Amino acid sequence: MRHAKAIASGAALLGGALCIGWLLFVDAPVPPSPALPMVAPAINVASAPTPAASAALVAPTSATLTPPRVPWRDTLAGATDLRAVYQRNITSSDPTQRAAAWRAWSACMPAFLGSATQAATPETLAAAMPQGPDSGLRIEALRSLYARCQGFISRRYDEQLSEASKVMALHAHGGARSGAEAAHELLAMGEREAALQRVADAVAALDPYEIRELSGLVGRFRRDAEQRDPGPDDAVRDAALAVVACDLGLDCGPGSLLATQLCAMQGQCTGDVVDRVLANFGAIDRGQVDTERARLAVQLRERRFDARRYFDQR
């Protein structure tokens, strides 16, 4: 009885925290999209037990958020069992691998967490989403994602909830954040120079996921420096960051994991990842984005990219 009450209590605390976890993977590089349907409970991350792997972690600073530089390998491309990717990487001493574990987990959770009394299925998710011309494609994408998430979904609800609590705490303590996420966090904390260093570290690793997640920082650096909204050039630069990863080895085809997520959760089901991501930028000059993307890809490959010049335009 006490165990059941504990589970119910954990479920009752659910709300925005897990929704943020989902958005970090899919939405980090693009402008905010409409809120996702709340199917799963949220977790009180502040009271969640901190996993052993993150016991030594503290609030992010420039000292605690510098990862080693290791060759990039796409651990998610072609993965049919996302939980297996999560398990292989979540306890790694390499923060880039823990970030990969976070991406695998957040590709499935909280969307398919459900509740103690009702499982989350493609059908229940689709029923809570706005209907439109791509609704059929969207439910197929949900089913494809659901199949890849079975390793998480097939576990008992209390096990799912416990795991969610731990992984969210690990991420909150900085133990599963990418360098790009750390840069966003440091800028929010007012540590501008440290944020620029994390951007430089993310770029130096040539990790396409990291580079993609840097999107949005051009405008944020501008607002931080000048207290004004970003201009059209900033939007073009952020858009180029969001899609240049496709030129650096990220799987961006219409059947890729990222394309599947964008269709399932944002309703962007037409074209490849580039088409779907840029659709979220609204009225932006695609020609300018393509030009900036090509220039950016060359600079990154040749390691001539100047992070300070690109982001810190004071």
C-alpha atoms as a PDB file:
ATOM      1  CA  MET A   1       0.000   0.000   0.000  1.00  0.00           C
ATOM      2  CA  ARG A   2       2.833   2.365   0.919  1.00  0.00           C
ATOM      3  CA  HIS A   3       4.554   1.518  -2.396  1.00  0.00           C
ATOM      4  CA  ALA A   4       1.370   2.269  -4.350  1.00  0.00           C
ATOM      5  CA  LYS A   5       1.010   5.612  -2.580  1.00  0.00           C
ATOM      6  CA  ALA A   6       4.584   6.506  -3.440  1.00  0.00           C
ATOM      7  CA  ILE A   7       3.933   5.819  -7.123  1.00  0.00           C
ATOM      8  CA  ALA A   8       0.714   7.820  -7.042  1.00  0.00           C
ATOM      9  CA  SER A   9       2.504  10.668  -5.329  1.00  0.00           C
ATOM     10  CA  GLY A  10       5.218  10.673  -7.988  1.00  0.00           C
ATOM     11  CA  ALA A  11       2.607  10.671 -10.725  1.00  0.00           C
ATOM     12  CA  ALA A  12       0.703  13.511  -9.107  1.00  0.00           C
ATOM     13  CA  LEU A  13       3.750  15.734  -9.320  1.00  0.00           C
ATOM     14  CA  LEU A  14       4.038  15.300 -13.097  1.00  0.00           C
ATOM     15  CA  GLY A  15       3.693  18.338 -15.367  1.00  0.00           C
ATOM     16  CA  GLY A  16       6.131  20.492 -17.259  1.00  0.00           C
ATOM     17  CA  ALA A  17       9.491  18.933 -16.339  1.00  0.00           C
ATOM     18  CA  LEU A  18       9.179  15.882 -18.579  1.00  0.00           C
ATOM     19  CA  CYS A  19       7.648  17.932 -21.367  1.00  0.00           C
ATOM     20  CA  ILE A  20      10.785  20.097 -21.258  1.00  0.00           C
ATOM     21  CA  GLY A  21      12.881  16.930 -21.467  1.00  0.00           C
ATOM     22  CA  TRP A  22      11.161  15.902 -24.692  1.00  0.00           C
ATOM     23  CA  LEU A  23      11.499  19.361 -26.228  1.00  0.00           C
ATOM     24  CA  LEU A  24      15.222  19.518 -25.514  1.00  0.00           C
ATOM     25  CA  PHE A  25      15.890  16.873 -28.136  1.00  0.00           C
ATOM     26  CA  VAL A  26      13.383  17.701 -30.838  1.00  0.00           C
ATOM     27  CA  ASP A  27      12.905  21.444 -30.415  1.00  0.00           C
ATOM     28  CA  ALA A  28      16.241  22.780 -29.186  1.00  0.00           C
ATOM     29  CA  PRO A  29      17.365  24.134 -32.549  1.00  0.00           C
ATOM     30  CA  VAL A  30      14.089  25.597 -33.779  1.00  0.00           C
ATOM     31  CA  PRO A  31      11.668  28.286 -32.597  1.00  0.00           C
ATOM     32  CA  PRO A  32       9.106  27.223 -29.974  1.00  0.00           C
ATOM     33  CA  SER A  33       6.336  25.052 -31.335  1.00  0.00           C
ATOM     34  CA  PRO A  34       2.822  24.529 -29.966  1.00  0.00           C
ATOM     35  CA  ALA A  35       2.738  22.677 -26.675  1.00  0.00           C
ATOM     36  CA  LEU A  36       2.656  18.910 -26.931  1.00  0.00           C
ATOM     37  CA  PRO A  37      -0.312  17.014 -25.513  1.00  0.00           C
ATOM     38  CA  MET A  38       0.252  16.133 -21.893  1.00  0.00           C
ATOM     39  CA  VAL A  39      -0.104  12.377 -21.808  1.00  0.00           C
ATOM     40  CA  ALA A  40       2.463  11.602 -19.159  1.00  0.00           C
ATOM     41  CA  PRO A  41       2.828  12.748 -15.557  1.00  0.00           C
ATOM     42  CA  ALA A  42       5.683  15.123 -14.630  1.00  0.00           C
ATOM     43  CA  ILE A  43       8.405  14.493 -12.119  1.00  0.00           C
ATOM     44  CA  ASN A  44       9.551  16.627  -9.267  1.00  0.00           C
ATOM     45  CA  VAL A  45      13.194  16.754 -10.331  1.00  0.00           C
ATOM     46  CA  ALA A  46      14.254  18.718  -7.277  1.00  0.00           C
ATOM     47  CA  SER A  47      13.242  15.874  -4.959  1.00  0.00           C
ATOM     48  CA  ALA A  48      14.332  13.069  -7.262  1.00  0.00           C
ATOM     49  CA  PRO A  49      17.263  10.956  -6.071  1.00  0.00           C
ATOM     50  CA  THR A  50      20.510  11.898  -7.791  1.00  0.00           C
ATOM     51  CA  PRO A  51      22.038   8.872  -9.592  1.00  0.00           C
ATOM     52  CA  ALA A  52      25.502   7.735  -8.569  1.00  0.00           C
ATOM     53  CA  ALA A  53      26.875   8.802 -11.959  1.00  0.00           C
ATOM     54  CA  SER A  54      25.964  12.415 -11.191  1.00  0.00           C
ATOM     55  CA  ALA A  55      26.746  12.508  -7.481  1.00  0.00           C
ATOM     56  CA  ALA A  56      29.791  14.710  -7.982  1.00  0.00           C
ATOM     57  CA  LEU A  57      28.063  17.125 -10.342  1.00  0.00           C
ATOM     58  CA  VAL A  58      27.047  20.588  -9.250  1.00  0.00           C
ATOM     59  CA  ALA A  59      25.315  23.520 -10.906  1.00  0.00           C
ATOM     60  CA  PRO A  60      26.820  24.026 -14.378  1.00  0.00           C
ATOM     61  CA  THR A  61      29.882  26.233 -14.577  1.00  0.00           C
ATOM     62  CA  SER A  62      32.624  26.616 -17.117  1.00  0.00           C
ATOM     63  CA  ALA A  63      34.718  24.200 -15.047  1.00  0.00           C
ATOM     64  CA  THR A  64      32.158  21.392 -14.777  1.00  0.00           C
ATOM     65  CA  LEU A  65      30.878  21.508 -18.344  1.00  0.00           C
ATOM     66  CA  THR A  66      33.989  20.974 -20.464  1.00  0.00           C
ATOM     67  CA  PRO A  67      33.931  17.508 -22.100  1.00  0.00           C
ATOM     68  CA  PRO A  68      36.903  15.675 -23.585  1.00  0.00           C
ATOM     69  CA  ARG A  69      37.193  15.830 -27.360  1.00  0.00           C
ATOM     70  CA  VAL A  70      36.450  12.424 -28.845  1.00  0.00           C
ATOM     71  CA  PRO A  71      35.668  11.321 -32.431  1.00  0.00           C
ATOM     72  CA  TRP A  72      31.976  11.590 -33.172  1.00  0.00           C
ATOM     73  CA  ARG A  73      29.895   8.493 -33.841  1.00  0.00           C
ATOM     74  CA  ASP A  74      26.138   8.552 -34.444  1.00  0.00           C
ATOM     75  CA  THR A  75      24.784   6.120 -31.861  1.00  0.00           C
ATOM     76  CA  LEU A  76      21.152   6.779 -32.804  1.00  0.00           C
ATOM     77  CA  ALA A  77      21.217   6.314 -36.586  1.00  0.00           C
ATOM     78  CA  GLY A  78      19.477   3.076 -37.475  1.00  0.00           C
ATOM     79  CA  ALA A  79      18.913   2.111 -33.836  1.00  0.00           C
ATOM     80  CA  THR A  80      15.784  -0.033 -33.575  1.00  0.00           C
ATOM     81  CA  ASP A  81      16.073  -0.327 -29.778  1.00  0.00           C
ATOM     82  CA  LEU A  82      16.562   3.113 -28.257  1.00  0.00           C
ATOM     83  CA  ARG A  83      16.688   1.730 -24.726  1.00  0.00           C
ATOM     84  CA  ALA A  84      19.738  -0.329 -25.682  1.00  0.00           C
ATOM     85  CA  VAL A  85      21.452   2.911 -26.787  1.00  0.00           C
ATOM     86  CA  TYR A  86      20.427   4.509 -23.498  1.00  0.00           C
ATOM     87  CA  GLN A  87      21.759   1.625 -21.406  1.00  0.00           C
ATOM     88  CA  ARG A  88      25.101   1.510 -23.222  1.00  0.00           C
ATOM     89  CA  ASN A  89      25.763   5.193 -22.648  1.00  0.00           C
ATOM     90  CA  ILE A  90      24.029   6.473 -19.519  1.00  0.00           C
ATOM     91  CA  THR A  91      26.745   5.404 -17.046  1.00  0.00           C
ATOM     92  CA  SER A  92      29.679   6.309 -19.298  1.00  0.00           C
ATOM     93  CA  SER A  93      32.439   8.550 -17.959  1.00  0.00           C
ATOM     94  CA  ASP A  94      32.285  10.395 -21.295  1.00  0.00           C
ATOM     95  CA  PRO A  95      29.737  13.253 -21.121  1.00  0.00           C
ATOM     96  CA  THR A  96      29.147  13.090 -24.876  1.00  0.00           C
ATOM     97  CA  GLN A  97      27.967   9.495 -24.497  1.00  0.00           C
ATOM     98  CA  ARG A  98      25.727  10.418 -21.577  1.00  0.00           C
ATOM     99  CA  ALA A  99      24.251  13.157 -23.772  1.00  0.00           C
ATOM    100  CA  ALA A 100      23.574  10.463 -26.400  1.00  0.00           C
ATOM    101  CA  ALA A 101      21.803   8.414 -23.725  1.00  0.00           C
ATOM    102  CA  TRP A 102      19.653  11.442 -22.889  1.00  0.00           C
ATOM    103  CA  ARG A 103      18.720  11.852 -26.552  1.00  0.00           C
ATOM    104  CA  ALA A 104      17.709   8.185 -26.750  1.00  0.00           C
ATOM    105  CA  TRP A 105      15.603   8.422 -23.592  1.00  0.00           C
ATOM    106  CA  SER A 106      13.968  11.728 -24.497  1.00  0.00           C
ATOM    107  CA  ALA A 107      13.113  10.417 -27.959  1.00  0.00           C
ATOM    108  CA  CYS A 108      10.652   8.139 -26.158  1.00  0.00           C
ATOM    109  CA  MET A 109       9.841   9.827 -22.873  1.00  0.00           C
ATOM    110  CA  PRO A 110       7.676  11.456 -21.642  1.00  0.00           C
ATOM    111  CA  ALA A 111       5.489  10.972 -24.716  1.00  0.00           C
ATOM    112  CA  PHE A 112       5.084   7.238 -24.138  1.00  0.00           C
ATOM    113  CA  LEU A 113       5.205   7.233 -20.336  1.00  0.00           C
ATOM    114  CA  GLY A 114       1.445   7.173 -19.943  1.00  0.00           C
ATOM    115  CA  SER A 115       0.042   6.857 -16.431  1.00  0.00           C
ATOM    116  CA  ALA A 116      -0.585   4.219 -13.797  1.00  0.00           C
ATOM    117  CA  THR A 117      -4.023   3.505 -15.267  1.00  0.00           C
ATOM    118  CA  GLN A 118      -3.595   4.165 -18.988  1.00  0.00           C
ATOM    119  CA  ALA A 119      -0.772   3.318 -21.345  1.00  0.00           C
ATOM    120  CA  ALA A 120       0.324   5.913 -23.888  1.00  0.00           C
ATOM    121  CA  THR A 121      -0.078   4.532 -27.401  1.00  0.00           C
ATOM    122  CA  PRO A 122       0.189   6.084 -30.861  1.00  0.00           C
ATOM    123  CA  GLU A 123      -3.600   6.160 -30.968  1.00  0.00           C
ATOM    124  CA  THR A 124      -4.028   7.954 -27.613  1.00  0.00           C
ATOM    125  CA  LEU A 125      -1.345  10.477 -28.546  1.00  0.00           C
ATOM    126  CA  ALA A 126      -2.843  11.094 -31.980  1.00  0.00           C
ATOM    127  CA  ALA A 127      -6.300  11.607 -30.479  1.00  0.00           C
ATOM    128  CA  ALA A 128      -4.917  14.451 -28.325  1.00  0.00           C
ATOM    129  CA  MET A 129      -3.239  16.225 -31.254  1.00  0.00           C
ATOM    130  CA  PRO A 130      -4.775  18.690 -33.702  1.00  0.00           C
ATOM    131  CA  GLN A 131      -6.128  16.998 -36.810  1.00  0.00           C
ATOM    132  CA  GLY A 132      -4.845  18.081 -40.202  1.00  0.00           C
ATOM    133  CA  PRO A 133      -3.964  16.924 -43.694  1.00  0.00           C
ATOM    134  CA  ASP A 134      -0.893  15.051 -42.383  1.00  0.00           C
ATOM    135  CA  SER A 135      -2.724  13.264 -39.561  1.00  0.00           C
ATOM    136  CA  GLY A 136      -2.353   9.893 -41.284  1.00  0.00           C
ATOM    137  CA  LEU A 137       1.386  10.397 -41.753  1.00  0.00           C
ATOM    138  CA  ARG A 138       1.653  11.586 -38.182  1.00  0.00           C
ATOM    139  CA  ILE A 139       0.131   8.474 -36.662  1.00  0.00           C
ATOM    140  CA  GLU A 140       2.386   6.300 -38.810  1.00  0.00           C
ATOM    141  CA  ALA A 141       5.371   8.245 -37.484  1.00  0.00           C
ATOM    142  CA  LEU A 142       4.094   7.735 -33.948  1.00  0.00           C
ATOM    143  CA  ARG A 143       3.821   4.004 -34.580  1.00  0.00           C
ATOM    144  CA  SER A 144       7.355   3.891 -35.965  1.00  0.00           C
ATOM    145  CA  LEU A 145       8.677   5.722 -32.925  1.00  0.00           C
ATOM    146  CA  TYR A 146       6.600   3.529 -30.609  1.00  0.00           C
ATOM    147  CA  ALA A 147       8.258   0.429 -32.039  1.00  0.00           C
ATOM    148  CA  ARG A 148      11.738   1.822 -31.443  1.00  0.00           C
ATOM    149  CA  CYS A 149      10.793   2.748 -27.876  1.00  0.00           C
ATOM    150  CA  GLN A 150       9.528  -0.673 -26.812  1.00  0.00           C
ATOM    151  CA  GLY A 151      12.513  -1.242 -24.547  1.00  0.00           C
ATOM    152  CA  PHE A 152      11.262   1.629 -22.376  1.00  0.00           C
ATOM    153  CA  ILE A 153       7.541   1.128 -22.843  1.00  0.00           C
ATOM    154  CA  SER A 154       7.470  -2.611 -22.041  1.00  0.00           C
ATOM    155  CA  ARG A 155       8.687  -2.031 -18.484  1.00  0.00           C
ATOM    156  CA  ARG A 156       6.297  -1.747 -15.554  1.00  0.00           C
ATOM    157  CA  TYR A 157       4.944   1.742 -14.941  1.00  0.00           C
ATOM    158  CA  ASP A 158       6.654   2.111 -11.562  1.00  0.00           C
ATOM    159  CA  GLU A 159       9.967   1.154 -13.191  1.00  0.00           C
ATOM    160  CA  GLN A 160       9.432   3.705 -15.954  1.00  0.00           C
ATOM    161  CA  LEU A 161       8.617   6.381 -13.388  1.00  0.00           C
ATOM    162  CA  SER A 162      11.664   5.572 -11.249  1.00  0.00           C
ATOM    163  CA  GLU A 163      13.955   5.633 -14.263  1.00  0.00           C
ATOM    164  CA  ALA A 164      12.452   8.911 -15.470  1.00  0.00           C
ATOM    165  CA  SER A 165      13.064  10.449 -12.058  1.00  0.00           C
ATOM    166  CA  LYS A 166      16.728   9.415 -12.110  1.00  0.00           C
ATOM    167  CA  VAL A 167      17.515  10.446 -15.673  1.00  0.00           C
ATOM    168  CA  MET A 168      15.793  13.810 -15.240  1.00  0.00           C
ATOM    169  CA  ALA A 169      17.820  14.407 -12.072  1.00  0.00           C
ATOM    170  CA  LEU A 170      21.020  13.453 -13.889  1.00  0.00           C
ATOM    171  CA  HIS A 171      20.209  15.908 -16.663  1.00  0.00           C
ATOM    172  CA  ALA A 172      19.209  18.647 -14.212  1.00  0.00           C
ATOM    173  CA  HIS A 173      22.563  18.283 -12.440  1.00  0.00           C
ATOM    174  CA  GLY A 174      24.428  18.636 -15.749  1.00  0.00           C
ATOM    175  CA  GLY A 175      25.441  14.987 -16.032  1.00  0.00           C
ATOM    176  CA  ALA A 176      23.687  14.269 -19.315  1.00  0.00           C
ATOM    177  CA  ARG A 177      23.730  17.663 -20.992  1.00  0.00           C
ATOM    178  CA  SER A 178      25.352  18.235 -24.333  1.00  0.00           C
ATOM    179  CA  GLY A 179      27.880  21.013 -24.719  1.00  0.00           C
ATOM    180  CA  ALA A 180      25.308  22.997 -26.653  1.00  0.00           C
ATOM    181  CA  GLU A 181      22.769  22.679 -23.839  1.00  0.00           C
ATOM    182  CA  ALA A 182      25.470  23.768 -21.395  1.00  0.00           C
ATOM    183  CA  ALA A 183      26.127  26.861 -23.515  1.00  0.00           C
ATOM    184  CA  HIS A 184      22.422  27.750 -23.404  1.00  0.00           C
ATOM    185  CA  GLU A 185      22.422  27.250 -19.628  1.00  0.00           C
ATOM    186  CA  LEU A 186      25.601  29.257 -19.022  1.00  0.00           C
ATOM    187  CA  LEU A 187      24.286  32.172 -21.085  1.00  0.00           C
ATOM    188  CA  ALA A 188      21.074  32.111 -19.048  1.00  0.00           C
ATOM    189  CA  MET A 189      23.249  32.297 -15.905  1.00  0.00           C
ATOM    190  CA  GLY A 190      25.033  35.363 -17.269  1.00  0.00           C
ATOM    191  CA  GLU A 191      28.331  33.537 -17.901  1.00  0.00           C
ATOM    192  CA  ARG A 192      28.805  34.845 -21.423  1.00  0.00           C
ATOM    193  CA  GLU A 193      32.500  33.994 -21.815  1.00  0.00           C
ATOM    194  CA  ALA A 194      31.987  30.488 -20.439  1.00  0.00           C
ATOM    195  CA  ALA A 195      29.076  30.006 -22.838  1.00  0.00           C
ATOM    196  CA  LEU A 196      31.269  31.032 -25.773  1.00  0.00           C
ATOM    197  CA  GLN A 197      33.910  28.534 -24.657  1.00  0.00           C
ATOM    198  CA  ARG A 198      31.304  25.751 -24.556  1.00  0.00           C
ATOM    199  CA  VAL A 199      30.202  26.736 -28.064  1.00  0.00           C
ATOM    200  CA  ALA A 200      33.818  26.490 -29.204  1.00  0.00           C
ATOM    201  CA  ASP A 201      34.157  23.061 -27.533  1.00  0.00           C
ATOM    202  CA  ALA A 202      30.966  21.794 -29.187  1.00  0.00           C
ATOM    203  CA  VAL A 203      32.147  22.998 -32.587  1.00  0.00           C
ATOM    204  CA  ALA A 204      35.635  21.536 -32.132  1.00  0.00           C
ATOM    205  CA  ALA A 205      34.155  18.086 -31.508  1.00  0.00           C
ATOM    206  CA  LEU A 206      32.339  18.280 -34.870  1.00  0.00           C
ATOM    207  CA  ASP A 207      29.399  16.449 -33.337  1.00  0.00           C
ATOM    208  CA  PRO A 208      26.440  17.154 -35.659  1.00  0.00           C
ATOM    209  CA  TYR A 209      23.949  16.829 -32.788  1.00  0.00           C
ATOM    210  CA  GLU A 210      25.893  19.398 -30.757  1.00  0.00           C
ATOM    211  CA  ILE A 211      26.100  21.798 -33.692  1.00  0.00           C
ATOM    212  CA  ARG A 212      22.400  21.405 -34.410  1.00  0.00           C
ATOM    213  CA  GLU A 213      21.602  22.178 -30.776  1.00  0.00           C
ATOM    214  CA  LEU A 214      23.586  25.430 -30.976  1.00  0.00           C
ATOM    215  CA  SER A 215      20.759  26.840 -33.089  1.00  0.00           C
ATOM    216  CA  GLY A 216      18.987  29.611 -31.240  1.00  0.00           C
ATOM    217  CA  LEU A 217      22.127  30.893 -29.546  1.00  0.00           C
ATOM    218  CA  VAL A 218      22.852  33.545 -32.184  1.00  0.00           C
ATOM    219  CA  GLY A 219      19.643  35.338 -31.307  1.00  0.00           C
ATOM    220  CA  ARG A 220      20.150  34.734 -27.578  1.00  0.00           C
ATOM    221  CA  PHE A 221      23.650  36.219 -27.600  1.00  0.00           C
ATOM    222  CA  ARG A 222      22.253  39.238 -29.452  1.00  0.00           C
ATOM    223  CA  ARG A 223      19.485  39.746 -26.899  1.00  0.00           C
ATOM    224  CA  ASP A 224      21.932  39.297 -24.037  1.00  0.00           C
ATOM    225  CA  ALA A 225      24.330  41.911 -25.427  1.00  0.00           C
ATOM    226  CA  GLU A 226      21.926  44.515 -26.768  1.00  0.00           C
ATOM    227  CA  GLN A 227      18.638  43.804 -25.011  1.00  0.00           C
ATOM    228  CA  ARG A 228      16.733  43.633 -28.272  1.00  0.00           C
ATOM    229  CA  ASP A 229      15.103  41.018 -30.433  1.00  0.00           C
ATOM    230  CA  PRO A 230      17.331  39.280 -32.994  1.00  0.00           C
ATOM    231  CA  GLY A 231      17.216  40.521 -36.570  1.00  0.00           C
ATOM    232  CA  PRO A 232      16.702  38.592 -39.840  1.00  0.00           C
ATOM    233  CA  ASP A 233      20.438  37.866 -40.206  1.00  0.00           C
ATOM    234  CA  ASP A 234      20.434  36.232 -36.775  1.00  0.00           C
ATOM    235  CA  ALA A 235      17.511  34.015 -37.808  1.00  0.00           C
ATOM    236  CA  VAL A 236      19.359  32.948 -40.962  1.00  0.00           C
ATOM    237  CA  ARG A 237      22.438  32.016 -38.919  1.00  0.00           C
ATOM    238  CA  ASP A 238      20.376  30.067 -36.407  1.00  0.00           C
ATOM    239  CA  ALA A 239      18.526  28.291 -39.222  1.00  0.00           C
ATOM    240  CA  ALA A 240      21.820  27.351 -40.895  1.00  0.00           C
ATOM    241  CA  LEU A 241      23.066  25.871 -37.612  1.00  0.00           C
ATOM    242  CA  ALA A 242      19.866  23.858 -37.336  1.00  0.00           C
ATOM    243  CA  VAL A 243      20.410  22.127 -40.696  1.00  0.00           C
ATOM    244  CA  VAL A 244      24.172  22.126 -41.368  1.00  0.00           C
ATOM    245  CA  ALA A 245      24.431  18.959 -39.265  1.00  0.00           C
ATOM    246  CA  CYS A 246      22.910  17.183 -42.268  1.00  0.00           C
ATOM    247  CA  ASP A 247      26.114  18.039 -44.163  1.00  0.00           C
ATOM    248  CA  LEU A 248      28.299  16.671 -41.366  1.00  0.00           C
ATOM    249  CA  GLY A 249      27.020  13.107 -41.144  1.00  0.00           C
ATOM    250  CA  LEU A 250      23.687  13.334 -39.332  1.00  0.00           C
ATOM    251  CA  ASP A 251      21.001  11.111 -40.864  1.00  0.00           C
ATOM    252  CA  CYS A 252      18.489  13.622 -42.226  1.00  0.00           C
ATOM    253  CA  GLY A 253      16.529  11.521 -44.721  1.00  0.00           C
ATOM    254  CA  PRO A 254      12.724  11.341 -44.622  1.00  0.00           C
ATOM    255  CA  GLY A 255      12.947   7.995 -42.800  1.00  0.00           C
ATOM    256  CA  SER A 256      15.488   9.100 -40.177  1.00  0.00           C
ATOM    257  CA  LEU A 257      14.801   9.169 -36.454  1.00  0.00           C
ATOM    258  CA  LEU A 258      14.808  12.952 -36.396  1.00  0.00           C
ATOM    259  CA  ALA A 259      12.415  13.194 -39.354  1.00  0.00           C
ATOM    260  CA  THR A 260      10.148  10.683 -37.613  1.00  0.00           C
ATOM    261  CA  GLN A 261      10.161  12.739 -34.421  1.00  0.00           C
ATOM    262  CA  LEU A 262       9.450  15.992 -36.252  1.00  0.00           C
ATOM    263  CA  CYS A 263       6.458  14.390 -37.965  1.00  0.00           C
ATOM    264  CA  ALA A 264       5.169  12.590 -34.869  1.00  0.00           C
ATOM    265  CA  MET A 265       5.449  15.471 -32.424  1.00  0.00           C
ATOM    266  CA  GLN A 266       5.363  18.656 -34.500  1.00  0.00           C
ATOM    267  CA  GLY A 267       3.273  17.556 -37.459  1.00  0.00           C
ATOM    268  CA  GLN A 268       6.094  18.399 -39.896  1.00  0.00           C
ATOM    269  CA  CYS A 269       5.802  15.394 -42.205  1.00  0.00           C
ATOM    270  CA  THR A 270       6.791  16.716 -45.643  1.00  0.00           C
ATOM    271  CA  GLY A 271      10.282  16.411 -47.075  1.00  0.00           C
ATOM    272  CA  ASP A 272      13.512  15.577 -45.294  1.00  0.00           C
ATOM    273  CA  VAL A 273      14.822  16.944 -42.000  1.00  0.00           C
ATOM    274  CA  VAL A 274      15.968  20.195 -43.609  1.00  0.00           C
ATOM    275  CA  ASP A 275      12.503  20.877 -45.038  1.00  0.00           C
ATOM    276  CA  ARG A 276      10.805  20.000 -41.753  1.00  0.00           C
ATOM    277  CA  VAL A 277      13.120  22.041 -39.549  1.00  0.00           C
ATOM    278  CA  LEU A 278      13.050  25.144 -41.750  1.00  0.00           C
ATOM    279  CA  ALA A 279       9.257  25.005 -41.829  1.00  0.00           C
ATOM    280  CA  ASN A 280       9.393  25.926 -38.145  1.00  0.00           C
ATOM    281  CA  PHE A 281      11.303  29.114 -38.914  1.00  0.00           C
ATOM    282  CA  GLY A 282       8.337  30.596 -40.756  1.00  0.00           C
ATOM    283  CA  ALA A 283       8.944  33.259 -43.414  1.00  0.00           C
ATOM    284  CA  ILE A 284      12.697  32.920 -43.820  1.00  0.00           C
ATOM    285  CA  ASP A 285      14.668  33.297 -47.052  1.00  0.00           C
ATOM    286  CA  ARG A 286      15.580  29.714 -47.963  1.00  0.00           C
ATOM    287  CA  GLY A 287      18.196  30.926 -50.450  1.00  0.00           C
ATOM    288  CA  GLN A 288      19.998  32.895 -47.745  1.00  0.00           C
ATOM    289  CA  VAL A 289      19.872  29.898 -45.417  1.00  0.00           C
ATOM    290  CA  ASP A 290      21.309  27.608 -48.110  1.00  0.00           C
ATOM    291  CA  THR A 291      24.149  30.052 -48.780  1.00  0.00           C
ATOM    292  CA  GLU A 292      24.953  30.407 -45.081  1.00  0.00           C
ATOM    293  CA  ARG A 293      24.682  26.650 -44.582  1.00  0.00           C
ATOM    294  CA  ALA A 294      27.178  25.933 -47.379  1.00  0.00           C
ATOM    295  CA  ARG A 295      29.621  28.514 -46.024  1.00  0.00           C
ATOM    296  CA  LEU A 296      29.246  27.177 -42.507  1.00  0.00           C
ATOM    297  CA  ALA A 297      29.805  23.567 -43.584  1.00  0.00           C
ATOM    298  CA  VAL A 298      33.095  24.453 -45.268  1.00  0.00           C
ATOM    299  CA  GLN A 299      34.320  26.403 -42.248  1.00  0.00           C
ATOM    300  CA  LEU A 300      33.423  23.586 -39.878  1.00  0.00           C
ATOM    301  CA  ARG A 301      35.048  20.860 -41.975  1.00  0.00           C
ATOM    302  CA  GLU A 302      38.204  22.909 -42.441  1.00  0.00           C
ATOM    303  CA  ARG A 303      38.157  23.908 -38.757  1.00  0.00           C
ATOM    304  CA  ARG A 304      38.126  27.597 -39.634  1.00  0.00           C
ATOM    305  CA  PHE A 305      34.903  28.365 -37.761  1.00  0.00           C
ATOM    306  CA  ASP A 306      35.242  31.346 -35.399  1.00  0.00           C
ATOM    307  CA  ALA A 307      32.645  30.873 -32.670  1.00  0.00           C
ATOM    308  CA  ARG A 308      33.120  34.333 -31.200  1.00  0.00           C
ATOM    309  CA  ARG A 309      32.695  36.046 -34.557  1.00  0.00           C
ATOM    310  CA  TYR A 310      29.614  33.977 -35.421  1.00  0.00           C
ATOM    311  CA  PHE A 311      27.790  34.296 -32.109  1.00  0.00           C
ATOM    312  CA  ASP A 312      29.166  37.323 -30.272  1.00  0.00           C
ATOM    313  CA  GLN A 313      28.567  40.170 -32.715  1.00  0.00           C
ATOM    314  CA  ARG A 314      28.919  43.074 -30.312  1.00  0.00           C
END
